[in-house]
Structure formats: C-alpha cells, structure tokens
Amino acid sequence: MSDNYFDEGRKAALAYWGLGQMLKGAGFAAAFVIATGLVLTAIWAFGLLLPEQSKQAPSPYGALEQPIAAKGHDLA
C-alpha cells in the first residue's frame, strides 16, 4: 500500500478548502431562506386570525388613486 494516500497536494487542499467555503455559504443561504419563509408564514397565519372587517377597509391610498380629472384638471 502506498504511504502517501493521505498526503494531499497543495491544489487538493485548496480545492477542499474552497468546496468547504462554498458549502458553508450555501448553508447560510439556506438558513436565510428558511428563516424568511418562517417569518412570512407567521405573518400569513396572524392575518388569518384577524377579523374579516379589517380586511375590507378602504385603501389608505385613496387620495392617490383618484383620476387627475376628478381634481379639477383638464386632460385636453
């Protein structure tokens, strides 16, 4: 048997280090996506607990949604 089976070269060591860094970054990204999903799920679940009347309120942007002609401006 060869004694240098576990003797890594510099390129192999750098490749393993780079792979480890990429996997670590992928793990952090996955944790961020899962945490964001949990927060959005909690907001959605909280919205289900609200009464129906709170979901039928008029838009707070009503003044911005009016047509320009309704404010007395002529479009022609």
PDB file of N, CA and C in Angstrom:
ATOM      1  N   MET A   1       0.823  -1.184   0.000  1.00  0.00           N
ATOM      2  CA  MET A   1       0.000   0.000   0.000  1.00  0.00           C
ATOM      3  C   MET A   1       0.861   1.239   0.000  1.00  0.00           C
ATOM      4  N   SER A   2       0.342   2.250  -0.588  1.00  0.00           N
ATOM      5  CA  SER A   2       1.088   3.500  -0.675  1.00  0.00           C
ATOM      6  C   SER A   2       0.945   4.293   0.621  1.00  0.00           C
ATOM      7  N   ASP A   3       2.044   4.872   1.071  1.00  0.00           N
ATOM      8  CA  ASP A   3       2.004   5.674   2.291  1.00  0.00           C
ATOM      9  C   ASP A   3       1.522   7.093   2.033  1.00  0.00           C
ATOM     10  N   ASN A   4       1.490   7.563   0.788  1.00  0.00           N
ATOM     11  CA  ASN A   4       1.051   8.934   0.537  1.00  0.00           C
ATOM     12  C   ASN A   4      -0.415   8.978   0.084  1.00  0.00           C
ATOM     13  N   TYR A   5      -1.227   8.050   0.535  1.00  0.00           N
ATOM     14  CA  TYR A   5      -2.655   8.082   0.210  1.00  0.00           C
ATOM     15  C   TYR A   5      -3.307   9.313   0.838  1.00  0.00           C
ATOM     16  N   PHE A   6      -2.908   9.639   2.076  1.00  0.00           N
ATOM     17  CA  PHE A   6      -3.480  10.789   2.767  1.00  0.00           C
ATOM     18  C   PHE A   6      -2.642  12.048   2.591  1.00  0.00           C
ATOM     19  N   ASP A   7      -1.606  11.969   1.814  1.00  0.00           N
ATOM     20  CA  ASP A   7      -0.740  13.127   1.593  1.00  0.00           C
ATOM     21  C   ASP A   7      -1.334  13.970   0.465  1.00  0.00           C
ATOM     22  N   GLU A   8      -2.010  15.053   0.859  1.00  0.00           N
ATOM     23  CA  GLU A   8      -2.658  15.909  -0.131  1.00  0.00           C
ATOM     24  C   GLU A   8      -1.657  16.887  -0.720  1.00  0.00           C
ATOM     25  N   GLY A   9      -1.844  17.182  -1.954  1.00  0.00           N
ATOM     26  CA  GLY A   9      -1.060  18.230  -2.565  1.00  0.00           C
ATOM     27  C   GLY A   9      -1.670  19.586  -2.244  1.00  0.00           C
ATOM     28  N   ARG A  10      -0.966  20.643  -2.615  1.00  0.00           N
ATOM     29  CA  ARG A  10      -1.468  21.987  -2.317  1.00  0.00           C
ATOM     30  C   ARG A  10      -2.745  22.278  -3.088  1.00  0.00           C
ATOM     31  N   LYS A  11      -2.836  21.794  -4.332  1.00  0.00           N
ATOM     32  CA  LYS A  11      -4.032  22.042  -5.126  1.00  0.00           C
ATOM     33  C   LYS A  11      -5.245  21.320  -4.540  1.00  0.00           C
ATOM     34  N   ALA A  12      -5.049  20.104  -4.083  1.00  0.00           N
ATOM     35  CA  ALA A  12      -6.161  19.350  -3.495  1.00  0.00           C
ATOM     36  C   ALA A  12      -6.618  20.010  -2.200  1.00  0.00           C
ATOM     37  N   ALA A  13      -5.679  20.446  -1.389  1.00  0.00           N
ATOM     38  CA  ALA A  13      -6.033  21.101  -0.126  1.00  0.00           C
ATOM     39  C   ALA A  13      -6.805  22.391  -0.391  1.00  0.00           C
ATOM     40  N   LEU A  14      -6.375  23.153  -1.398  1.00  0.00           N
ATOM     41  CA  LEU A  14      -7.066  24.395  -1.749  1.00  0.00           C
ATOM     42  C   LEU A  14      -8.461  24.091  -2.301  1.00  0.00           C
ATOM     43  N   ALA A  15      -8.570  23.030  -3.076  1.00  0.00           N
ATOM     44  CA  ALA A  15      -9.878  22.649  -3.630  1.00  0.00           C
ATOM     45  C   ALA A  15     -10.828  22.243  -2.511  1.00  0.00           C
ATOM     46  N   TYR A  16     -10.357  21.474  -1.545  1.00  0.00           N
ATOM     47  CA  TYR A  16     -11.209  21.065  -0.429  1.00  0.00           C
ATOM     48  C   TYR A  16     -11.600  22.268   0.427  1.00  0.00           C
ATOM     49  N   TRP A  17     -10.667  23.190   0.618  1.00  0.00           N
ATOM     50  CA  TRP A  17     -10.982  24.400   1.384  1.00  0.00           C
ATOM     51  C   TRP A  17     -12.043  25.221   0.654  1.00  0.00           C
ATOM     52  N   GLY A  18     -11.879  25.386  -0.650  1.00  0.00           N
ATOM     53  CA  GLY A  18     -12.853  26.145  -1.441  1.00  0.00           C
ATOM     54  C   GLY A  18     -14.223  25.489  -1.436  1.00  0.00           C
ATOM     55  N   LEU A  19     -14.243  24.166  -1.556  1.00  0.00           N
ATOM     56  CA  LEU A  19     -15.503  23.448  -1.502  1.00  0.00           C
ATOM     57  C   LEU A  19     -16.181  23.642  -0.144  1.00  0.00           C
ATOM     58  N   GLY A  20     -15.391  23.585   0.904  1.00  0.00           N
ATOM     59  CA  GLY A  20     -15.941  23.806   2.245  1.00  0.00           C
ATOM     60  C   GLY A  20     -16.528  25.199   2.400  1.00  0.00           C
ATOM     61  N   GLN A  21     -15.841  26.201   1.849  1.00  0.00           N
ATOM     62  CA  GLN A  21     -16.342  27.570   1.932  1.00  0.00           C
ATOM     63  C   GLN A  21     -17.649  27.729   1.147  1.00  0.00           C
ATOM     64  N   MET A  22     -17.719  27.092  -0.013  1.00  0.00           N
ATOM     65  CA  MET A  22     -18.943  27.175  -0.814  1.00  0.00           C
ATOM     66  C   MET A  22     -20.102  26.476  -0.117  1.00  0.00           C
ATOM     67  N   LEU A  23     -19.835  25.327   0.490  1.00  0.00           N
ATOM     68  CA  LEU A  23     -20.892  24.622   1.216  1.00  0.00           C
ATOM     69  C   LEU A  23     -21.333  25.410   2.442  1.00  0.00           C
ATOM     70  N   LYS A  24     -20.400  26.060   3.093  1.00  0.00           N
ATOM     71  CA  LYS A  24     -20.737  26.903   4.243  1.00  0.00           C
ATOM     72  C   LYS A  24     -21.632  28.060   3.804  1.00  0.00           C
ATOM     73  N   GLY A  25     -21.312  28.697   2.693  1.00  0.00           N
ATOM     74  CA  GLY A  25     -22.137  29.782   2.167  1.00  0.00           C
ATOM     75  C   GLY A  25     -23.512  29.297   1.752  1.00  0.00           C
ATOM     76  N   ALA A  26     -23.571  28.110   1.140  1.00  0.00           N
ATOM     77  CA  ALA A  26     -24.865  27.543   0.763  1.00  0.00           C
ATOM     78  C   ALA A  26     -25.707  27.245   2.004  1.00  0.00           C
ATOM     79  N   GLY A  27     -25.064  26.800   3.064  1.00  0.00           N
ATOM     80  CA  GLY A  27     -25.784  26.551   4.313  1.00  0.00           C
ATOM     81  C   GLY A  27     -26.343  27.832   4.904  1.00  0.00           C
ATOM     82  N   PHE A  28     -25.551  28.911   4.881  1.00  0.00           N
ATOM     83  CA  PHE A  28     -26.038  30.206   5.373  1.00  0.00           C
ATOM     84  C   PHE A  28     -27.195  30.707   4.519  1.00  0.00           C
ATOM     85  N   ALA A  29     -27.099  30.555   3.198  1.00  0.00           N
ATOM     86  CA  ALA A  29     -28.181  30.983   2.307  1.00  0.00           C
ATOM     87  C   ALA A  29     -29.448  30.171   2.576  1.00  0.00           C
ATOM     88  N   ALA A  30     -29.299  28.871   2.776  1.00  0.00           N
ATOM     89  CA  ALA A  30     -30.461  28.030   3.059  1.00  0.00           C
ATOM     90  C   ALA A  30     -31.104  28.432   4.392  1.00  0.00           C
ATOM     91  N   ALA A  31     -30.290  28.727   5.388  1.00  0.00           N
ATOM     92  CA  ALA A  31     -30.829  29.168   6.680  1.00  0.00           C
ATOM     93  C   ALA A  31     -31.575  30.489   6.536  1.00  0.00           C
ATOM     94  N   PHE A  32     -31.056  31.400   5.719  1.00  0.00           N
ATOM     95  CA  PHE A  32     -31.722  32.690   5.497  1.00  0.00           C
ATOM     96  C   PHE A  32     -33.061  32.490   4.793  1.00  0.00           C
ATOM     97  N   VAL A  33     -33.099  31.633   3.782  1.00  0.00           N
ATOM     98  CA  VAL A  33     -34.342  31.376   3.051  1.00  0.00           C
ATOM     99  C   VAL A  33     -35.373  30.721   3.966  1.00  0.00           C
ATOM    100  N   ILE A  34     -34.940  29.776   4.771  1.00  0.00           N
ATOM    101  CA  ILE A  34     -35.865  29.111   5.696  1.00  0.00           C
ATOM    102  C   ILE A  34     -36.384  30.092   6.736  1.00  0.00           C
ATOM    103  N   ALA A  35     -35.508  30.944   7.273  1.00  0.00           N
ATOM    104  CA  ALA A  35     -35.935  31.937   8.268  1.00  0.00           C
ATOM    105  C   ALA A  35     -36.919  32.927   7.652  1.00  0.00           C
ATOM    106  N   THR A  36     -36.656  33.364   6.424  1.00  0.00           N
ATOM    107  CA  THR A  36     -37.575  34.281   5.748  1.00  0.00           C
ATOM    108  C   THR A  36     -38.921  33.609   5.518  1.00  0.00           C
ATOM    109  N   GLY A  37     -38.906  32.358   5.121  1.00  0.00           N
ATOM    110  CA  GLY A  37     -40.152  31.616   4.933  1.00  0.00           C
ATOM    111  C   GLY A  37     -40.939  31.470   6.224  1.00  0.00           C
ATOM    112  N   LEU A  38     -40.233  31.240   7.321  1.00  0.00           N
ATOM    113  CA  LEU A  38     -40.919  31.123   8.613  1.00  0.00           C
ATOM    114  C   LEU A  38     -41.552  32.446   9.030  1.00  0.00           C
ATOM    115  N   VAL A  39     -40.855  33.546   8.799  1.00  0.00           N
ATOM    116  CA  VAL A  39     -41.408  34.865   9.135  1.00  0.00           C
ATOM    117  C   VAL A  39     -42.642  35.150   8.284  1.00  0.00           C
ATOM    118  N   LEU A  40     -42.560  34.898   6.983  1.00  0.00           N
ATOM    119  CA  LEU A  40     -43.713  35.136   6.114  1.00  0.00           C
ATOM    120  C   LEU A  40     -44.880  34.221   6.465  1.00  0.00           C
ATOM    121  N   THR A  41     -44.604  32.992   6.845  1.00  0.00           N
ATOM    122  CA  THR A  41     -45.659  32.078   7.264  1.00  0.00           C
ATOM    123  C   THR A  41     -46.311  32.571   8.553  1.00  0.00           C
ATOM    124  N   ALA A  42     -45.522  33.095   9.472  1.00  0.00           N
ATOM    125  CA  ALA A  42     -46.076  33.633  10.721  1.00  0.00           C
ATOM    126  C   ALA A  42     -46.957  34.846  10.438  1.00  0.00           C
ATOM    127  N   ILE A  43     -46.547  35.714   9.524  1.00  0.00           N
ATOM    128  CA  ILE A  43     -47.363  36.880   9.174  1.00  0.00           C
ATOM    129  C   ILE A  43     -48.672  36.433   8.531  1.00  0.00           C
ATOM    130  N   TRP A  44     -48.597  35.440   7.629  1.00  0.00           N
ATOM    131  CA  TRP A  44     -49.797  34.921   6.979  1.00  0.00           C
ATOM    132  C   TRP A  44     -50.739  34.307   8.010  1.00  0.00           C
ATOM    133  N   ALA A  45     -50.190  33.528   8.949  1.00  0.00           N
ATOM    134  CA  ALA A  45     -51.016  32.888   9.976  1.00  0.00           C
ATOM    135  C   ALA A  45     -51.666  33.934  10.883  1.00  0.00           C
ATOM    136  N   PHE A  46     -50.933  34.995  11.191  1.00  0.00           N
ATOM    137  CA  PHE A  46     -51.502  36.069  12.005  1.00  0.00           C
ATOM    138  C   PHE A  46     -52.630  36.755  11.247  1.00  0.00           C
ATOM    139  N   GLY A  47     -52.478  36.913   9.938  1.00  0.00           N
ATOM    140  CA  GLY A  47     -53.524  37.521   9.116  1.00  0.00           C
ATOM    141  C   GLY A  47     -54.799  36.693   9.106  1.00  0.00           C
ATOM    142  N   LEU A  48     -54.669  35.383   9.220  1.00  0.00           N
ATOM    143  CA  LEU A  48     -55.858  34.532   9.283  1.00  0.00           C
ATOM    144  C   LEU A  48     -56.641  34.737  10.572  1.00  0.00           C
ATOM    145  N   LEU A  49     -55.958  35.180  11.624  1.00  0.00           N
ATOM    146  CA  LEU A  49     -56.625  35.383  12.909  1.00  0.00           C
ATOM    147  C   LEU A  49     -57.377  36.715  12.974  1.00  0.00           C
ATOM    148  N   LEU A  50     -57.092  37.624  12.049  1.00  0.00           N
ATOM    149  CA  LEU A  50     -57.744  38.930  12.071  1.00  0.00           C
ATOM    150  C   LEU A  50     -59.195  38.815  11.637  1.00  0.00           C
ATOM    151  N   PRO A  51     -60.054  39.702  12.146  1.00  0.00           N
ATOM    152  CA  PRO A  51     -61.461  39.649  11.723  1.00  0.00           C
ATOM    153  C   PRO A  51     -61.605  40.067  10.253  1.00  0.00           C
ATOM    154  N   GLU A  52     -62.686  39.625   9.624  1.00  0.00           N
ATOM    155  CA  GLU A  52     -62.916  39.894   8.201  1.00  0.00           C
ATOM    156  C   GLU A  52     -63.082  41.396   7.928  1.00  0.00           C
ATOM    157  N   GLN A  53     -63.617  42.152   8.890  1.00  0.00           N
ATOM    158  CA  GLN A  53     -63.824  43.581   8.699  1.00  0.00           C
ATOM    159  C   GLN A  53     -62.497  44.318   8.509  1.00  0.00           C
ATOM    160  N   SER A  54     -61.443  43.830   9.119  1.00  0.00           N
ATOM    161  CA  SER A  54     -60.154  44.502   8.989  1.00  0.00           C
ATOM    162  C   SER A  54     -59.570  44.329   7.592  1.00  0.00           C
ATOM    163  N   LYS A  55     -60.043  43.317   6.875  1.00  0.00           N
ATOM    164  CA  LYS A  55     -59.543  43.066   5.530  1.00  0.00           C
ATOM    165  C   LYS A  55     -60.351  43.799   4.469  1.00  0.00           C
ATOM    166  N   GLN A  56     -61.464  44.433   4.852  1.00  0.00           N
ATOM    167  CA  GLN A  56     -62.326  45.116   3.907  1.00  0.00           C
ATOM    168  C   GLN A  56     -62.293  46.625   4.080  1.00  0.00           C
ATOM    169  N   ALA A  57     -61.297  47.141   4.709  1.00  0.00           N
ATOM    170  CA  ALA A  57     -61.182  48.583   4.921  1.00  0.00           C
ATOM    171  C   ALA A  57     -60.867  49.277   3.592  1.00  0.00           C
ATOM    172  N   PRO A  58     -61.231  50.556   3.475  1.00  0.00           N
ATOM    173  CA  PRO A  58     -60.878  51.282   2.251  1.00  0.00           C
ATOM    174  C   PRO A  58     -59.365  51.452   2.142  1.00  0.00           C
ATOM    175  N   SER A  59     -58.917  51.658   0.941  1.00  0.00           N
ATOM    176  CA  SER A  59     -57.485  51.791   0.701  1.00  0.00           C
ATOM    177  C   SER A  59     -56.938  53.053   1.372  1.00  0.00           C
ATOM    178  N   PRO A  60     -55.786  52.978   2.023  1.00  0.00           N
ATOM    179  CA  PRO A  60     -55.193  54.182   2.612  1.00  0.00           C
ATOM    180  C   PRO A  60     -54.624  55.114   1.545  1.00  0.00           C
ATOM    181  N   TYR A  61     -54.561  54.648   0.296  1.00  0.00           N
ATOM    182  CA  TYR A  61     -54.031  55.456  -0.796  1.00  0.00           C
ATOM    183  C   TYR A  61     -55.159  56.022  -1.665  1.00  0.00           C
ATOM    184  N   GLY A  62     -56.338  56.201  -1.087  1.00  0.00           N
ATOM    185  CA  GLY A  62     -57.489  56.675  -1.836  1.00  0.00           C
ATOM    186  C   GLY A  62     -57.249  58.012  -2.518  1.00  0.00           C
ATOM    187  N   ALA A  63     -56.551  58.923  -1.859  1.00  0.00           N
ATOM    188  CA  ALA A  63     -56.285  60.230  -2.449  1.00  0.00           C
ATOM    189  C   ALA A  63     -55.339  60.115  -3.640  1.00  0.00           C
ATOM    190  N   LEU A  64     -54.478  59.145  -3.637  1.00  0.00           N
ATOM    191  CA  LEU A  64     -53.542  58.966  -4.752  1.00  0.00           C
ATOM    192  C   LEU A  64     -54.172  58.208  -5.922  1.00  0.00           C
ATOM    193  N   GLU A  65     -55.242  57.459  -5.651  1.00  0.00           N
ATOM    194  CA  GLU A  65     -55.851  56.638  -6.688  1.00  0.00           C
ATOM    195  C   GLU A  65     -56.905  57.377  -7.498  1.00  0.00           C
ATOM    196  N   GLN A  66     -57.269  58.596  -7.091  1.00  0.00           N
ATOM    197  CA  GLN A  66     -58.276  59.360  -7.834  1.00  0.00           C
ATOM    198  C   GLN A  66     -57.708  59.788  -9.178  1.00  0.00           C
ATOM    199  N   PRO A  67     -58.556  59.787 -10.219  1.00  0.00           N
ATOM    200  CA  PRO A  67     -58.071  60.263 -11.518  1.00  0.00           C
ATOM    201  C   PRO A  67     -57.741  61.749 -11.461  1.00  0.00           C
ATOM    202  N   ILE A  68     -56.868  62.180 -12.316  1.00  0.00           N
ATOM    203  CA  ILE A  68     -56.441  63.586 -12.336  1.00  0.00           C
ATOM    204  C   ILE A  68     -57.608  64.487 -12.678  1.00  0.00           C
ATOM    205  N   ALA A  69     -58.507  64.081 -13.577  1.00  0.00           N
ATOM    206  CA  ALA A  69     -59.637  64.906 -13.991  1.00  0.00           C
ATOM    207  C   ALA A  69     -60.586  65.175 -12.824  1.00  0.00           C
ATOM    208  N   ALA A  70     -60.650  64.308 -11.855  1.00  0.00           N
ATOM    209  CA  ALA A  70     -61.532  64.495 -10.711  1.00  0.00           C
ATOM    210  C   ALA A  70     -61.058  65.613  -9.796  1.00  0.00           C
ATOM    211  N   LYS A  71     -59.816  66.005  -9.904  1.00  0.00           N
ATOM    212  CA  LYS A  71     -59.264  67.067  -9.059  1.00  0.00           C
ATOM    213  C   LYS A  71     -59.435  68.445  -9.707  1.00  0.00           C
ATOM    214  N   GLY A  72     -60.139  68.516 -10.849  1.00  0.00           N
ATOM    215  CA  GLY A  72     -60.375  69.800 -11.478  1.00  0.00           C
ATOM    216  C   GLY A  72     -59.398  70.129 -12.595  1.00  0.00           C
ATOM    217  N   HIS A  73     -58.513  69.240 -12.926  1.00  0.00           N
ATOM    218  CA  HIS A  73     -57.568  69.478 -14.019  1.00  0.00           C
ATOM    219  C   HIS A  73     -58.190  68.996 -15.317  1.00  0.00           C
ATOM    220  N   ASP A  74     -57.949  69.725 -16.368  1.00  0.00           N
ATOM    221  CA  ASP A  74     -58.457  69.332 -17.679  1.00  0.00           C
ATOM    222  C   ASP A  74     -57.402  68.509 -18.398  1.00  0.00           C
ATOM    223  N   LEU A  75     -57.790  67.348 -18.923  1.00  0.00           N
ATOM    224  CA  LEU A  75     -56.866  66.486 -19.601  1.00  0.00           C
ATOM    225  C   LEU A  75     -56.613  66.902 -21.053  1.00  0.00           C
ATOM    226  N   ALA A  76     -57.492  67.726 -21.615  1.00  0.00           N
ATOM    227  CA  ALA A  76     -57.353  68.104 -23.030  1.00  0.00           C
ATOM    228  C   ALA A  76     -56.355  69.216 -23.228  1.00  0.00           C
TER     229      ALA A  76
END
